[in-house]
Amino acid sequence: MNLIFIRHGDPDYSIDSLTEKGWREAELLSARATKWDVKEFYCSPLGRAKDTASLTLNKLNRTAVIHDWLKEFFVPVKDPVTGTDRIAWDFMPGYWTRQPEFYHKDTWYNAPVMQTGNIEAEFDKVKEGIDTLLAEHGYERTGNFYKVIQGNHDTLVFFCHLGAQFVILSHLLGIPAPLLWQGCFVAPTSVTVLTSEERVPGEAYFRLRTLGDTSHLYVAGEPYSRSGFFQEQFSDNADTEQKITIKSF
């Protein structure tokens, strides 16, 4: 089985949709995604994800199943300095690297700062959501791997968000979510692919094949968006950041 996670296009958060650039990205993505043999499409209920999906779905005359657990993982916690609400996946290195719980898959949500919000309960909803869906497609969670009830080569596509995607990958791969949130980046409309590896009869584990691929943008000469990626250097202020040409590697 193949699981493909797509982040929404360059966002206009003020209207929960896409910028002009985001729509260009979604169009280029659709040229790629319409070539896939997809068993089922799934989508976040938020506008920016639905708008991104719409160009692919309209071309295929398909619909996506909407799941609430695919929405952005915007679960506020209390800032340890100011006491105000903040997102749980944006801390400075001098703080988060000193939280030992963040480095363990079964304790990251028990860190003191995470206990100030409803993190564990919301994480449980995401885990239940993806595991229920995978069970419907023949893969049943057993401990830290999946029991193969009915193996297949189906491809499932998910249109969602940066923070939410890393929460799902945390569960599937057994990597603490804070390490993915703080150490990885997936650009708007990027493609992340996991494939079930079934080396023992009846047992499967999902292996990450591609993380944040934007080749559909590269071949069209469309720079990928920095949305969600902050200054490379402290001296890169907001005005300078807009002028930086994104390097392709």
Protein backbone atom coordinates (compact mmCIF):
# COMPACT_ATOMS: atom_id res chain seq x y z
CA MET A 1 0.00 0.00 0.00
CA ASN A 2 1.11 3.54 -0.78
CA LEU A 3 0.21 6.56 1.32
CA ILE A 4 0.73 9.97 -0.31
CA PHE A 5 0.50 13.10 1.81
CA ILE A 6 0.21 16.47 0.07
CA ARG A 7 0.49 19.78 1.85
CA HIS A 8 -1.88 22.50 0.64
CA GLY A 9 -0.63 25.19 -1.74
CA ASP A 10 0.87 28.51 -0.71
CA PRO A 11 -1.74 29.73 1.78
CA ASP A 12 -3.70 32.89 2.29
CA TYR A 13 -4.57 32.22 5.92
CA SER A 14 -6.76 35.32 6.16
CA ILE A 15 -9.38 33.66 3.93
CA ASP A 16 -8.35 30.03 4.48
CA SER A 17 -7.59 29.58 0.81
CA LEU A 18 -4.63 29.95 -1.55
CA THR A 19 -2.60 32.86 -2.82
CA GLU A 20 -2.24 33.42 -6.55
CA LYS A 21 1.02 31.48 -6.29
CA GLY A 22 -0.76 28.73 -4.36
CA TRP A 23 -3.24 28.25 -7.18
CA ARG A 24 -0.37 27.97 -9.68
CA GLU A 25 1.25 25.37 -7.46
CA ALA A 26 -2.01 23.42 -7.17
CA GLU A 27 -2.40 23.43 -10.96
CA LEU A 28 1.11 22.07 -11.44
CA LEU A 29 0.48 19.47 -8.75
CA SER A 30 -2.71 18.35 -10.49
CA ALA A 31 -0.79 17.62 -13.70
CA ARG A 32 1.29 15.21 -11.63
CA ALA A 33 -1.40 13.73 -9.39
CA THR A 34 -3.85 12.95 -12.19
CA LYS A 35 -1.34 10.42 -13.52
CA TRP A 36 -1.52 8.34 -10.35
CA ASP A 37 -3.77 5.31 -9.96
CA VAL A 38 -5.51 6.38 -6.76
CA LYS A 39 -7.87 4.13 -4.83
CA GLU A 40 -9.23 6.89 -2.60
CA PHE A 41 -8.69 10.58 -1.91
CA TYR A 42 -8.95 12.06 1.59
CA CYS A 43 -8.90 15.69 2.60
CA SER A 44 -8.80 18.06 5.54
CA PRO A 45 -12.01 20.08 6.09
CA LEU A 46 -10.07 23.36 5.88
CA GLY A 47 -10.43 25.55 2.81
CA ARG A 48 -6.78 25.72 1.77
CA ALA A 49 -6.53 21.92 1.63
CA LYS A 50 -9.88 21.54 -0.16
CA ASP A 51 -8.95 24.20 -2.71
CA THR A 52 -5.63 22.49 -3.40
CA ALA A 53 -7.37 19.15 -3.88
CA SER A 54 -10.10 20.61 -6.08
CA LEU A 55 -7.95 21.00 -9.20
CA THR A 56 -6.89 17.37 -9.14
CA LEU A 57 -10.34 16.06 -8.22
CA ASN A 58 -12.14 18.12 -10.87
CA LYS A 59 -9.86 16.84 -13.62
CA LEU A 60 -10.52 13.25 -12.55
CA ASN A 61 -14.22 13.77 -11.80
CA ARG A 62 -13.52 12.38 -8.33
CA THR A 63 -14.41 13.41 -4.80
CA ALA A 64 -12.46 13.26 -1.56
CA VAL A 65 -13.59 11.90 1.78
CA ILE A 66 -13.33 14.67 4.38
CA HIS A 67 -11.89 13.74 7.77
CA ASP A 68 -11.71 16.17 10.68
CA TRP A 69 -8.52 14.56 12.01
CA LEU A 70 -6.67 15.71 8.86
CA LYS A 71 -7.15 19.38 9.76
CA GLU A 72 -4.15 21.39 10.92
CA PHE A 73 -2.88 20.32 14.35
CA PHE A 74 -3.50 23.74 15.83
CA VAL A 75 -3.72 22.77 19.50
CA PRO A 76 -2.60 25.71 21.65
CA VAL A 77 -0.29 25.40 24.63
CA LYS A 78 0.88 28.07 27.04
CA ASP A 79 4.11 29.86 26.21
CA PRO A 80 6.56 28.99 29.00
CA VAL A 81 7.76 32.61 29.17
CA THR A 82 4.72 34.78 28.49
CA GLY A 83 1.93 32.44 29.53
CA THR A 84 0.00 33.24 26.35
CA ASP A 85 -1.34 30.71 23.86
CA ARG A 86 0.97 29.50 21.10
CA ILE A 87 1.09 26.60 18.64
CA ALA A 88 2.70 23.44 19.97
CA TRP A 89 5.09 23.01 17.07
CA ASP A 90 7.05 26.25 17.04
CA PHE A 91 9.70 26.65 19.74
CA MET A 92 13.19 28.11 19.65
CA PRO A 93 16.18 25.70 19.75
CA GLY A 94 17.40 26.98 23.08
CA TYR A 95 14.12 25.86 24.63
CA TRP A 96 12.88 22.73 22.89
CA THR A 97 16.23 20.93 22.74
CA ARG A 98 16.34 21.05 26.54
CA GLN A 99 13.05 19.16 26.90
CA PRO A 100 14.08 15.49 27.30
CA GLU A 101 10.51 14.25 26.75
CA PHE A 102 10.56 15.65 23.20
CA TYR A 103 13.11 13.02 22.19
CA HIS A 104 10.92 10.00 22.98
CA LYS A 105 7.92 8.84 20.96
CA ASP A 106 5.87 7.85 24.01
CA THR A 107 6.61 10.85 26.23
CA TRP A 108 6.80 13.94 24.01
CA TYR A 109 3.20 14.89 24.81
CA ASN A 110 3.96 14.59 28.53
CA ALA A 111 6.48 17.44 28.48
CA PRO A 112 5.39 20.20 30.91
CA VAL A 113 4.59 22.67 28.13
CA MET A 114 2.47 20.07 26.29
CA GLN A 115 0.51 19.41 29.46
CA THR A 116 -0.79 23.00 29.31
CA GLY A 117 -2.88 22.08 26.26
CA ASN A 118 -5.04 19.23 25.02
CA ILE A 119 -2.18 17.70 23.06
CA GLU A 120 -2.39 14.03 24.06
CA ALA A 121 -6.15 13.82 23.47
CA GLU A 122 -5.86 15.45 20.04
CA PHE A 123 -2.93 13.21 19.14
CA ASP A 124 -5.09 10.21 20.10
CA LYS A 125 -7.78 11.42 17.68
CA VAL A 126 -5.27 11.53 14.83
CA LYS A 127 -3.91 8.08 15.68
CA GLU A 128 -7.40 6.62 15.86
CA GLY A 129 -8.32 8.29 12.58
CA ILE A 130 -5.41 6.98 10.52
CA ASP A 131 -5.51 3.53 12.13
CA THR A 132 -9.25 3.15 11.53
CA LEU A 133 -8.79 4.15 7.90
CA LEU A 134 -5.87 1.77 7.37
CA ALA A 135 -7.85 -1.06 8.95
CA GLU A 136 -10.60 -0.41 6.41
CA HIS A 137 -7.98 -0.96 3.71
CA GLY A 138 -6.60 -4.17 5.19
CA TYR A 139 -3.87 -3.03 7.59
CA GLU A 140 -4.61 -3.38 11.30
CA ARG A 141 -2.43 -1.73 13.94
CA THR A 142 -0.80 -4.23 16.31
CA GLY A 143 1.58 -2.63 18.80
CA ASN A 144 4.04 -0.61 16.74
CA PHE A 145 3.46 -2.30 13.38
CA TYR A 146 0.52 -3.35 11.20
CA LYS A 147 -1.01 -6.76 10.77
CA VAL A 148 -1.81 -7.43 7.13
CA ILE A 149 -5.40 -8.62 6.91
CA GLN A 150 -5.65 -8.08 3.17
CA GLY A 151 -2.48 -6.90 1.50
CA ASN A 152 -2.79 -4.69 -1.56
CA HIS A 153 -1.03 -2.20 -3.80
CA ASP A 154 -3.64 0.54 -3.35
CA THR A 155 -2.63 4.19 -3.31
CA LEU A 156 -4.34 6.55 -0.86
CA VAL A 157 -3.87 10.30 -1.21
CA PHE A 158 -4.26 12.78 1.66
CA PHE A 159 -4.51 16.56 1.22
CA CYS A 160 -3.64 18.13 4.55
CA HIS A 161 -1.18 20.41 6.39
CA LEU A 162 2.40 20.67 7.60
CA GLY A 163 1.78 20.25 11.32
CA ALA A 164 -0.87 17.57 10.86
CA GLN A 165 1.24 15.60 8.40
CA PHE A 166 4.10 15.33 10.85
CA VAL A 167 1.74 14.15 13.60
CA ILE A 168 0.60 11.31 11.34
CA LEU A 169 4.19 10.46 10.39
CA SER A 170 5.08 10.47 14.09
CA HIS A 171 2.54 7.72 14.68
CA LEU A 172 3.35 5.69 11.57
CA LEU A 173 7.13 5.83 11.98
CA GLY A 174 7.51 6.02 15.76
CA ILE A 175 9.35 9.34 15.63
CA PRO A 176 8.50 12.01 18.25
CA ALA A 177 6.38 14.71 16.64
CA PRO A 178 8.50 17.60 18.00
CA LEU A 179 11.57 16.27 16.18
CA LEU A 180 9.63 16.22 12.91
CA TRP A 181 8.01 19.60 13.54
CA GLN A 182 11.32 21.27 14.40
CA GLY A 183 13.68 19.35 12.13
CA CYS A 184 11.76 18.80 8.89
CA PHE A 185 10.04 20.98 6.32
CA VAL A 186 7.49 20.16 3.62
CA ALA A 187 6.78 23.00 1.20
CA PRO A 188 3.30 23.83 -0.09
CA THR A 189 2.01 21.18 -2.55
CA SER A 190 4.97 18.95 -1.71
CA VAL A 191 4.50 15.20 -2.01
CA THR A 192 5.43 12.75 0.76
CA VAL A 193 5.21 9.02 0.04
CA LEU A 194 5.18 6.04 2.39
CA THR A 195 4.94 2.43 1.23
CA SER A 196 4.13 -0.63 3.29
CA GLU A 197 7.08 -2.96 3.50
CA GLU A 198 5.93 -6.55 4.02
CA ARG A 199 8.99 -8.74 4.42
CA VAL A 200 7.28 -11.20 6.77
CA PRO A 201 3.89 -12.74 5.90
CA GLY A 202 1.15 -10.86 7.73
CA GLU A 203 3.40 -8.04 9.02
CA ALA A 204 3.86 -4.54 7.61
CA TYR A 205 5.65 -1.34 8.49
CA PHE A 206 5.36 1.89 6.54
CA ARG A 207 8.65 3.08 5.09
CA LEU A 208 9.22 6.71 4.11
CA ARG A 209 10.28 6.86 0.45
CA THR A 210 9.90 10.56 -0.29
CA LEU A 211 9.61 13.57 2.01
CA GLY A 212 8.41 16.91 0.69
CA ASP A 213 9.15 16.38 -3.01
CA THR A 214 8.42 19.44 -5.19
CA SER A 215 9.70 18.20 -8.55
CA HIS A 216 6.40 19.22 -10.21
CA LEU A 217 7.27 22.83 -9.34
CA TYR A 218 10.93 22.54 -10.28
CA VAL A 219 10.29 21.26 -13.80
CA ALA A 220 7.89 24.13 -14.43
CA GLY A 221 10.28 26.75 -13.12
CA GLU A 222 8.02 27.61 -10.19
CA PRO A 223 9.98 28.28 -6.97
CA TYR A 224 8.63 26.47 -3.95
CA SER A 225 7.06 28.54 -1.21
CA ARG A 226 8.85 29.26 2.07
CA SER A 227 5.56 29.26 3.98
CA GLY A 228 6.35 27.59 7.31
CA PHE A 229 10.12 27.90 6.88
CA PHE A 230 11.76 30.69 8.86
CA GLN A 231 14.99 32.66 8.53
CA GLU A 232 18.04 30.71 7.45
CA GLN A 233 20.11 33.22 9.38
CA PHE A 234 19.14 35.62 12.13
CA SER A 235 20.07 38.50 9.82
CA ASP A 236 17.42 37.46 7.28
CA ASN A 237 14.64 39.88 8.16
CA ALA A 238 11.15 39.70 6.72
CA ASP A 239 11.86 42.10 3.84
CA THR A 240 15.07 40.31 2.88
CA GLU A 241 13.38 36.93 3.06
CA GLN A 242 10.94 37.88 0.33
CA LYS A 243 13.85 38.63 -2.03
CA ILE A 244 15.74 35.39 -1.49
CA THR A 245 15.76 33.05 -4.49
CA ILE A 246 15.02 29.57 -3.20
CA LYS A 247 17.89 27.21 -3.90
CA SER A 248 17.06 23.90 -5.54
CA PHE A 249 19.28 20.95 -4.68
